[in-house]
Amino acid sequence: MRAAAVLLVLLALAGCGGTVQVEPPVPQGPAAAACDKLATLLPQTLDGAPRGTSTPESPYVAVWGDGVIALRCGVPRPARMAPTDQLQEIDGVGWFPDPEKPALFTAVTDSAYVEVTVGGEHAAAEVLADLSKPIAQISPQAAGGGPADSTILYTLSPR
């Protein structure tokens, strides 16, 4: 299912303007609550690309620049990610770069996995930095105002 979603996003990247087709995830429990919160925090412009629309409509999907950048919140844990993998930390958020798909990154939080595809001429580092700020806010510990403990980002559990 994840491969089909990535394929849909990549096909959208190759397409021309209009609404982008992206398969929405179906998060449950705390992940759904975190993703609902994230939907209200996402920027209208990302790396110079305006926010677009996707079909089917979902609060768990966001696209920018006619789908050149796509976000899916509440996805399952990446199958290729091992508990011992090192994550790239950006502004307190751990990112797993898919070793087989260089345009695919997954943010690991204690409440949800957030998948981001960065295509076109956009710089992944810039996009991930801009998205790390709102993603960091969906963590329950962010609401408590406590210091971020990066060890939480490395404690991976199946979702």
N, C-alpha and C. Protein backbone atom coordinates (compact mmCIF):
# COMPACT_ATOMS: atom_id res chain seq x y z
N MET A 1 0.83 -1.19 0.00
CA MET A 1 0.00 0.00 0.00
C MET A 1 0.88 1.26 0.00
N ARG A 2 1.95 1.23 0.82
CA ARG A 2 2.86 2.38 0.87
C ARG A 2 3.50 2.60 -0.49
N ALA A 3 3.89 1.51 -1.14
CA ALA A 3 4.52 1.63 -2.46
C ALA A 3 3.54 2.23 -3.45
N ALA A 4 2.26 1.86 -3.34
CA ALA A 4 1.26 2.42 -4.25
C ALA A 4 1.09 3.91 -4.01
N ALA A 5 1.13 4.33 -2.75
CA ALA A 5 1.00 5.75 -2.44
C ALA A 5 2.18 6.54 -2.97
N VAL A 6 3.37 5.99 -2.79
CA VAL A 6 4.57 6.67 -3.30
C VAL A 6 4.50 6.76 -4.82
N LEU A 7 4.06 5.68 -5.46
CA LEU A 7 3.93 5.68 -6.91
C LEU A 7 2.94 6.75 -7.36
N LEU A 8 1.82 6.88 -6.64
CA LEU A 8 0.84 7.92 -7.00
C LEU A 8 1.46 9.31 -6.88
N VAL A 9 2.22 9.53 -5.83
CA VAL A 9 2.86 10.83 -5.65
C VAL A 9 3.86 11.08 -6.77
N LEU A 10 4.68 10.07 -7.08
CA LEU A 10 5.67 10.25 -8.13
C LEU A 10 5.02 10.46 -9.49
N LEU A 11 3.90 9.80 -9.75
CA LEU A 11 3.18 10.04 -11.00
C LEU A 11 2.63 11.47 -11.03
N ALA A 12 2.19 11.93 -9.89
CA ALA A 12 1.69 13.31 -9.82
C ALA A 12 2.80 14.30 -10.09
N LEU A 13 4.01 13.96 -9.63
CA LEU A 13 5.14 14.86 -9.85
C LEU A 13 5.43 15.02 -11.34
N ALA A 14 5.17 13.98 -12.10
CA ALA A 14 5.45 14.03 -13.54
C ALA A 14 4.30 14.66 -14.32
N GLY A 15 3.14 14.80 -13.69
CA GLY A 15 1.97 15.32 -14.39
C GLY A 15 1.98 16.82 -14.50
N CYS A 16 0.99 17.32 -15.20
CA CYS A 16 0.85 18.78 -15.30
C CYS A 16 -0.15 19.26 -14.27
N GLY A 17 -0.25 20.57 -14.06
CA GLY A 17 -1.03 21.23 -13.05
C GLY A 17 -2.37 20.62 -12.72
N GLY A 18 -3.11 21.28 -11.82
CA GLY A 18 -4.41 20.80 -11.41
C GLY A 18 -4.35 20.08 -10.09
N THR A 19 -5.42 19.34 -9.80
CA THR A 19 -5.50 18.59 -8.56
C THR A 19 -4.62 17.35 -8.66
N VAL A 20 -3.91 17.06 -7.58
CA VAL A 20 -2.97 15.95 -7.53
C VAL A 20 -3.63 14.78 -6.81
N GLN A 21 -3.50 13.58 -7.36
CA GLN A 21 -4.04 12.40 -6.72
C GLN A 21 -3.01 11.81 -5.78
N VAL A 22 -3.36 11.72 -4.49
CA VAL A 22 -2.48 11.16 -3.47
C VAL A 22 -3.36 10.29 -2.57
N GLU A 23 -2.94 9.05 -2.36
CA GLU A 23 -3.69 8.15 -1.49
C GLU A 23 -3.52 8.60 -0.04
N PRO A 24 -4.62 8.95 0.64
CA PRO A 24 -4.49 9.39 2.03
C PRO A 24 -4.30 8.21 2.98
N PRO A 25 -3.49 8.40 4.01
CA PRO A 25 -3.37 7.36 5.03
C PRO A 25 -4.62 7.38 5.92
N VAL A 26 -4.73 6.39 6.79
CA VAL A 26 -5.86 6.31 7.71
C VAL A 26 -5.31 6.14 9.13
N PRO A 27 -4.84 7.24 9.71
CA PRO A 27 -4.28 7.14 11.07
C PRO A 27 -5.38 6.86 12.09
N GLN A 28 -4.98 6.26 13.19
CA GLN A 28 -5.91 5.92 14.27
C GLN A 28 -5.42 6.51 15.59
N GLY A 29 -6.33 6.74 16.51
CA GLY A 29 -6.00 7.14 17.88
C GLY A 29 -5.13 8.38 17.96
N PRO A 30 -4.02 8.29 18.74
CA PRO A 30 -3.15 9.45 18.92
C PRO A 30 -2.57 9.97 17.61
N ALA A 31 -2.32 9.08 16.66
CA ALA A 31 -1.77 9.53 15.37
C ALA A 31 -2.79 10.40 14.64
N ALA A 32 -4.06 10.03 14.67
CA ALA A 32 -5.10 10.83 14.02
C ALA A 32 -5.20 12.21 14.68
N ALA A 33 -5.14 12.24 16.01
CA ALA A 33 -5.20 13.53 16.72
C ALA A 33 -3.99 14.39 16.37
N ALA A 34 -2.80 13.78 16.32
CA ALA A 34 -1.59 14.53 15.97
C ALA A 34 -1.69 15.07 14.54
N CYS A 35 -2.19 14.25 13.63
CA CYS A 35 -2.30 14.67 12.23
C CYS A 35 -3.36 15.77 12.06
N ASP A 36 -4.44 15.69 12.82
CA ASP A 36 -5.44 16.76 12.77
C ASP A 36 -4.82 18.08 13.21
N LYS A 37 -3.99 18.02 14.26
CA LYS A 37 -3.31 19.23 14.73
C LYS A 37 -2.33 19.74 13.67
N LEU A 38 -1.57 18.81 13.07
CA LEU A 38 -0.59 19.22 12.07
C LEU A 38 -1.25 19.92 10.89
N ALA A 39 -2.43 19.45 10.49
CA ALA A 39 -3.14 20.05 9.35
C ALA A 39 -3.37 21.54 9.55
N THR A 40 -3.54 21.98 10.79
CA THR A 40 -3.78 23.40 11.07
C THR A 40 -2.49 24.22 11.13
N LEU A 41 -1.34 23.54 11.19
CA LEU A 41 -0.06 24.22 11.36
C LEU A 41 0.77 24.34 10.09
N LEU A 42 0.37 23.62 9.04
CA LEU A 42 1.18 23.58 7.82
C LEU A 42 1.17 24.92 7.08
N PRO A 43 2.30 25.27 6.47
CA PRO A 43 2.40 26.56 5.76
C PRO A 43 1.62 26.58 4.45
N GLN A 44 1.22 27.76 4.01
CA GLN A 44 0.54 27.93 2.73
C GLN A 44 1.53 27.93 1.57
N THR A 45 2.78 28.27 1.87
CA THR A 45 3.85 28.27 0.86
C THR A 45 5.02 27.49 1.44
N LEU A 46 5.64 26.66 0.61
CA LEU A 46 6.75 25.84 1.06
C LEU A 46 7.84 25.88 0.01
N ASP A 47 9.00 26.40 0.36
CA ASP A 47 10.13 26.55 -0.56
C ASP A 47 9.70 27.25 -1.85
N GLY A 48 8.87 28.28 -1.69
CA GLY A 48 8.40 29.08 -2.82
C GLY A 48 7.22 28.50 -3.58
N ALA A 49 6.79 27.29 -3.23
CA ALA A 49 5.67 26.64 -3.93
C ALA A 49 4.38 26.86 -3.13
N PRO A 50 3.31 27.31 -3.80
CA PRO A 50 2.04 27.51 -3.10
C PRO A 50 1.35 26.18 -2.80
N ARG A 51 0.52 26.20 -1.78
CA ARG A 51 -0.25 25.02 -1.39
C ARG A 51 -1.24 24.68 -2.50
N GLY A 52 -1.37 23.42 -2.83
CA GLY A 52 -2.28 22.95 -3.86
C GLY A 52 -3.39 22.10 -3.26
N THR A 53 -4.10 21.40 -4.12
CA THR A 53 -5.17 20.52 -3.67
C THR A 53 -4.89 19.10 -4.12
N SER A 54 -5.40 18.16 -3.35
CA SER A 54 -5.22 16.75 -3.68
C SER A 54 -6.58 16.07 -3.69
N THR A 55 -6.62 14.95 -4.39
CA THR A 55 -7.83 14.15 -4.42
C THR A 55 -7.46 12.70 -4.12
N PRO A 56 -8.22 12.00 -3.34
CA PRO A 56 -9.40 12.49 -2.63
C PRO A 56 -8.99 13.46 -1.52
N GLU A 57 -9.87 14.38 -1.20
CA GLU A 57 -9.55 15.35 -0.15
C GLU A 57 -9.36 14.62 1.17
N SER A 58 -8.37 15.06 1.92
CA SER A 58 -8.08 14.45 3.21
C SER A 58 -7.32 15.44 4.08
N PRO A 59 -7.66 15.50 5.37
CA PRO A 59 -6.88 16.35 6.29
C PRO A 59 -5.48 15.78 6.54
N TYR A 60 -5.23 14.55 6.07
CA TYR A 60 -3.96 13.90 6.32
C TYR A 60 -2.99 14.01 5.15
N VAL A 61 -3.37 14.80 4.13
CA VAL A 61 -2.54 14.99 2.95
C VAL A 61 -2.41 16.49 2.67
N ALA A 62 -1.21 16.92 2.30
CA ALA A 62 -0.99 18.30 1.87
C ALA A 62 -0.02 18.26 0.70
N VAL A 63 -0.26 19.10 -0.30
CA VAL A 63 0.64 19.18 -1.45
C VAL A 63 0.96 20.64 -1.72
N TRP A 64 2.13 20.85 -2.29
CA TRP A 64 2.58 22.17 -2.69
C TRP A 64 3.14 22.06 -4.10
N GLY A 65 3.01 23.15 -4.86
CA GLY A 65 3.61 23.20 -6.20
C GLY A 65 3.09 22.11 -7.12
N ASP A 66 1.79 21.97 -7.24
CA ASP A 66 1.19 20.95 -8.11
C ASP A 66 1.69 19.54 -7.77
N GLY A 67 1.91 19.30 -6.49
CA GLY A 67 2.30 17.97 -6.04
C GLY A 67 3.78 17.68 -6.08
N VAL A 68 4.59 18.67 -6.40
CA VAL A 68 6.03 18.45 -6.42
C VAL A 68 6.51 18.16 -4.99
N ILE A 69 5.82 18.70 -4.01
CA ILE A 69 6.07 18.38 -2.61
C ILE A 69 4.76 17.82 -2.06
N ALA A 70 4.82 16.66 -1.45
CA ALA A 70 3.61 16.04 -0.90
C ALA A 70 3.90 15.53 0.51
N LEU A 71 2.92 15.70 1.40
CA LEU A 71 3.02 15.26 2.78
C LEU A 71 1.83 14.35 3.08
N ARG A 72 2.11 13.24 3.75
CA ARG A 72 1.07 12.33 4.21
C ARG A 72 1.32 12.06 5.69
N CYS A 73 0.36 12.40 6.54
CA CYS A 73 0.51 12.25 7.98
C CYS A 73 -0.25 11.01 8.45
N GLY A 74 0.40 10.24 9.34
CA GLY A 74 -0.24 9.06 9.89
C GLY A 74 0.03 7.80 9.10
N VAL A 75 1.14 7.78 8.38
CA VAL A 75 1.52 6.60 7.60
C VAL A 75 2.10 5.54 8.55
N PRO A 76 2.15 4.28 8.10
CA PRO A 76 2.82 3.26 8.91
C PRO A 76 4.33 3.52 8.98
N ARG A 77 4.94 2.91 9.96
CA ARG A 77 6.40 2.99 10.08
C ARG A 77 7.03 2.45 8.80
N PRO A 78 8.03 3.15 8.25
CA PRO A 78 8.66 2.68 7.02
C PRO A 78 9.21 1.25 7.19
N ALA A 79 8.90 0.39 6.24
CA ALA A 79 9.33 -1.01 6.32
C ALA A 79 10.86 -1.13 6.33
N ARG A 80 11.54 -0.22 5.67
CA ARG A 80 13.01 -0.29 5.59
C ARG A 80 13.71 0.27 6.84
N MET A 81 12.96 0.87 7.73
CA MET A 81 13.57 1.52 8.90
C MET A 81 13.75 0.50 10.03
N ALA A 82 14.98 0.32 10.44
CA ALA A 82 15.30 -0.58 11.54
C ALA A 82 15.40 0.22 12.84
N PRO A 83 15.14 -0.43 13.98
CA PRO A 83 15.23 0.29 15.25
C PRO A 83 16.61 0.89 15.52
N THR A 84 17.63 0.38 14.85
CA THR A 84 18.98 0.89 15.08
C THR A 84 19.39 1.96 14.08
N ASP A 85 18.52 2.29 13.12
CA ASP A 85 18.87 3.31 12.12
C ASP A 85 19.05 4.67 12.77
N GLN A 86 20.04 5.39 12.30
CA GLN A 86 20.26 6.77 12.73
C GLN A 86 19.33 7.68 11.94
N LEU A 87 18.69 8.60 12.60
CA LEU A 87 17.83 9.56 11.94
C LEU A 87 18.56 10.88 11.80
N GLN A 88 18.24 11.61 10.74
CA GLN A 88 18.79 12.96 10.59
C GLN A 88 17.89 13.90 11.38
N GLU A 89 18.46 14.60 12.35
CA GLU A 89 17.66 15.48 13.18
C GLU A 89 17.68 16.90 12.63
N ILE A 90 16.48 17.47 12.45
CA ILE A 90 16.33 18.85 12.01
C ILE A 90 15.34 19.52 12.95
N ASP A 91 15.81 20.53 13.68
CA ASP A 91 14.96 21.26 14.63
C ASP A 91 14.19 20.34 15.57
N GLY A 92 14.86 19.31 16.08
CA GLY A 92 14.24 18.43 17.06
C GLY A 92 13.39 17.31 16.47
N VAL A 93 13.31 17.21 15.17
CA VAL A 93 12.53 16.16 14.52
C VAL A 93 13.49 15.20 13.82
N GLY A 94 13.33 13.91 14.08
CA GLY A 94 14.14 12.90 13.42
C GLY A 94 13.54 12.53 12.08
N TRP A 95 14.37 12.53 11.04
CA TRP A 95 13.93 12.20 9.68
C TRP A 95 14.64 10.95 9.21
N PHE A 96 13.86 10.01 8.65
CA PHE A 96 14.41 8.81 8.05
C PHE A 96 14.42 8.99 6.54
N PRO A 97 15.61 9.06 5.93
CA PRO A 97 15.68 9.14 4.48
C PRO A 97 15.60 7.73 3.88
N ASP A 98 14.66 7.50 2.99
CA ASP A 98 14.52 6.18 2.40
C ASP A 98 15.73 5.89 1.52
N PRO A 99 16.50 4.84 1.82
CA PRO A 99 17.72 4.58 1.06
C PRO A 99 17.47 4.20 -0.40
N GLU A 100 16.27 3.74 -0.71
CA GLU A 100 15.96 3.33 -2.09
C GLU A 100 15.18 4.38 -2.87
N LYS A 101 14.66 5.38 -2.18
CA LYS A 101 13.88 6.44 -2.84
C LYS A 101 14.40 7.78 -2.32
N PRO A 102 15.37 8.38 -3.00
CA PRO A 102 16.03 9.59 -2.47
C PRO A 102 15.11 10.79 -2.29
N ALA A 103 13.91 10.76 -2.84
CA ALA A 103 12.99 11.89 -2.69
C ALA A 103 12.01 11.67 -1.53
N LEU A 104 12.13 10.56 -0.81
CA LEU A 104 11.17 10.20 0.24
C LEU A 104 11.80 10.26 1.62
N PHE A 105 11.15 10.98 2.53
CA PHE A 105 11.63 11.16 3.89
C PHE A 105 10.45 10.93 4.84
N THR A 106 10.73 10.36 6.00
CA THR A 106 9.67 10.15 6.99
C THR A 106 10.11 10.76 8.31
N ALA A 107 9.27 11.66 8.84
CA ALA A 107 9.51 12.24 10.16
C ALA A 107 8.99 11.25 11.19
N VAL A 108 9.79 11.04 12.23
CA VAL A 108 9.44 10.12 13.29
C VAL A 108 9.15 10.94 14.54
N THR A 109 7.90 10.90 15.00
CA THR A 109 7.55 11.57 16.25
C THR A 109 7.00 10.52 17.19
N ASP A 110 6.75 10.88 18.43
CA ASP A 110 6.23 9.90 19.37
C ASP A 110 4.74 9.64 19.16
N SER A 111 4.09 10.39 18.25
CA SER A 111 2.66 10.19 18.03
C SER A 111 2.29 9.80 16.60
N ALA A 112 3.13 10.09 15.61
CA ALA A 112 2.78 9.78 14.22
C ALA A 112 4.02 9.79 13.33
N TYR A 113 3.93 9.04 12.26
CA TYR A 113 4.94 9.10 11.20
C TYR A 113 4.40 10.02 10.12
N VAL A 114 5.25 10.93 9.62
CA VAL A 114 4.84 11.89 8.60
C VAL A 114 5.77 11.71 7.40
N GLU A 115 5.18 11.31 6.28
CA GLU A 115 5.94 11.03 5.06
C GLU A 115 5.94 12.26 4.16
N VAL A 116 7.11 12.62 3.65
CA VAL A 116 7.25 13.78 2.77
C VAL A 116 8.02 13.36 1.52
N THR A 117 7.46 13.69 0.37
CA THR A 117 8.13 13.46 -0.90
C THR A 117 8.54 14.83 -1.44
N VAL A 118 9.80 14.99 -1.78
CA VAL A 118 10.32 16.26 -2.29
C VAL A 118 10.85 16.02 -3.69
N GLY A 119 10.23 16.64 -4.68
CA GLY A 119 10.66 16.45 -6.06
C GLY A 119 10.99 17.76 -6.73
N GLY A 120 11.16 17.67 -8.03
CA GLY A 120 11.47 18.86 -8.80
C GLY A 120 12.80 19.45 -8.40
N GLU A 121 12.87 20.76 -8.44
CA GLU A 121 14.12 21.45 -8.12
C GLU A 121 14.15 21.94 -6.68
N HIS A 122 13.26 21.40 -5.85
CA HIS A 122 13.22 21.83 -4.45
C HIS A 122 14.33 21.15 -3.66
N ALA A 123 14.92 21.88 -2.75
CA ALA A 123 15.99 21.36 -1.90
C ALA A 123 15.35 20.66 -0.70
N ALA A 124 15.60 19.36 -0.59
CA ALA A 124 14.99 18.58 0.49
C ALA A 124 15.33 19.18 1.86
N ALA A 125 16.55 19.62 2.05
CA ALA A 125 16.95 20.18 3.35
C ALA A 125 16.10 21.39 3.72
N GLU A 126 15.82 22.25 2.75
CA GLU A 126 14.99 23.44 3.01
C GLU A 126 13.57 23.04 3.36
N VAL A 127 13.01 22.13 2.57
CA VAL A 127 11.63 21.69 2.78
C VAL A 127 11.49 21.01 4.15
N LEU A 128 12.41 20.11 4.47
CA LEU A 128 12.34 19.40 5.75
C LEU A 128 12.53 20.36 6.93
N ALA A 129 13.38 21.35 6.77
CA ALA A 129 13.56 22.34 7.84
C ALA A 129 12.27 23.13 8.06
N ASP A 130 11.62 23.53 6.97
CA ASP A 130 10.37 24.29 7.11
C ASP A 130 9.25 23.43 7.69
N LEU A 131 9.24 22.14 7.38
CA LEU A 131 8.20 21.26 7.91
C LEU A 131 8.50 20.77 9.32
N SER A 132 9.76 20.79 9.72
CA SER A 132 10.12 20.33 11.06
C SER A 132 9.48 21.20 12.14
N LYS A 133 9.33 22.48 11.88
CA LYS A 133 8.75 23.37 12.90
C LYS A 133 7.32 22.96 13.25
N PRO A 134 6.40 22.83 12.26
CA PRO A 134 5.05 22.39 12.64
C PRO A 134 5.01 20.94 13.11
N ILE A 135 5.82 20.07 12.55
CA ILE A 135 5.80 18.66 12.97
C ILE A 135 6.24 18.53 14.42
N ALA A 136 7.21 19.33 14.84
CA ALA A 136 7.67 19.28 16.24
C ALA A 136 6.54 19.65 17.20
N GLN A 137 5.57 20.42 16.74
CA GLN A 137 4.48 20.87 17.60
C GLN A 137 3.39 19.82 17.81
N ILE A 138 3.41 18.72 17.07
CA ILE A 138 2.36 17.71 17.24
C ILE A 138 2.68 16.72 18.35
N SER A 139 3.89 16.76 18.86
CA SER A 139 4.29 15.86 19.92
C SER A 139 3.61 16.25 21.23
N PRO A 140 3.08 15.27 21.98
CA PRO A 140 2.48 15.60 23.27
C PRO A 140 3.46 16.30 24.20
N GLN A 141 4.76 15.97 24.13
CA GLN A 141 5.72 16.63 25.00
C GLN A 141 5.92 18.09 24.60
N ALA A 142 5.64 18.45 23.34
CA ALA A 142 5.73 19.85 22.94
C ALA A 142 4.68 20.68 23.66
N ALA A 143 3.49 20.08 23.85
CA ALA A 143 2.42 20.78 24.56
C ALA A 143 2.78 21.01 26.01
N GLY A 144 3.58 20.09 26.59
CA GLY A 144 3.97 20.22 27.99
C GLY A 144 5.08 21.22 28.20
N GLY A 145 5.72 21.66 27.14
CA GLY A 145 6.76 22.68 27.26
C GLY A 145 8.08 22.15 27.77
N GLY A 146 8.19 20.82 27.92
CA GLY A 146 9.43 20.25 28.40
C GLY A 146 10.49 20.25 27.32
N PRO A 147 11.72 20.02 27.70
CA PRO A 147 12.79 19.98 26.71
C PRO A 147 12.63 18.76 25.80
N ALA A 148 12.99 18.92 24.57
CA ALA A 148 12.91 17.81 23.63
C ALA A 148 13.99 16.80 23.98
N ASP A 149 13.62 15.55 24.05
CA ASP A 149 14.56 14.48 24.33
C ASP A 149 14.72 13.67 23.06
N SER A 150 15.84 13.80 22.39
CA SER A 150 16.02 13.16 21.10
C SER A 150 15.99 11.64 21.20
N THR A 151 16.14 11.09 22.40
CA THR A 151 16.08 9.64 22.51
C THR A 151 14.68 9.13 22.19
N ILE A 152 13.67 9.91 22.40
CA ILE A 152 12.31 9.52 22.06
C ILE A 152 12.20 9.30 20.56
N LEU A 153 12.89 10.11 19.79
CA LEU A 153 12.82 9.98 18.35
C LEU A 153 13.39 8.66 17.86
N TYR A 154 14.25 8.05 18.67
CA TYR A 154 14.91 6.83 18.25
C TYR A 154 14.23 5.58 18.81
N THR A 155 13.22 5.76 19.66
CA THR A 155 12.47 4.64 20.18
C THR A 155 11.34 4.37 19.18
N LEU A 156 11.52 3.38 18.34
CA LEU A 156 10.59 3.12 17.26
C LEU A 156 9.66 1.98 17.65
N SER A 157 8.38 2.23 17.47
CA SER A 157 7.41 1.18 17.74
C SER A 157 6.57 0.95 16.50
N PRO A 158 6.05 -0.26 16.31
CA PRO A 158 5.22 -0.51 15.13
C PRO A 158 3.93 0.29 15.21
N ARG A 159 3.48 0.78 14.09
CA ARG A 159 2.21 1.52 14.04
C ARG A 159 1.34 0.83 13.03
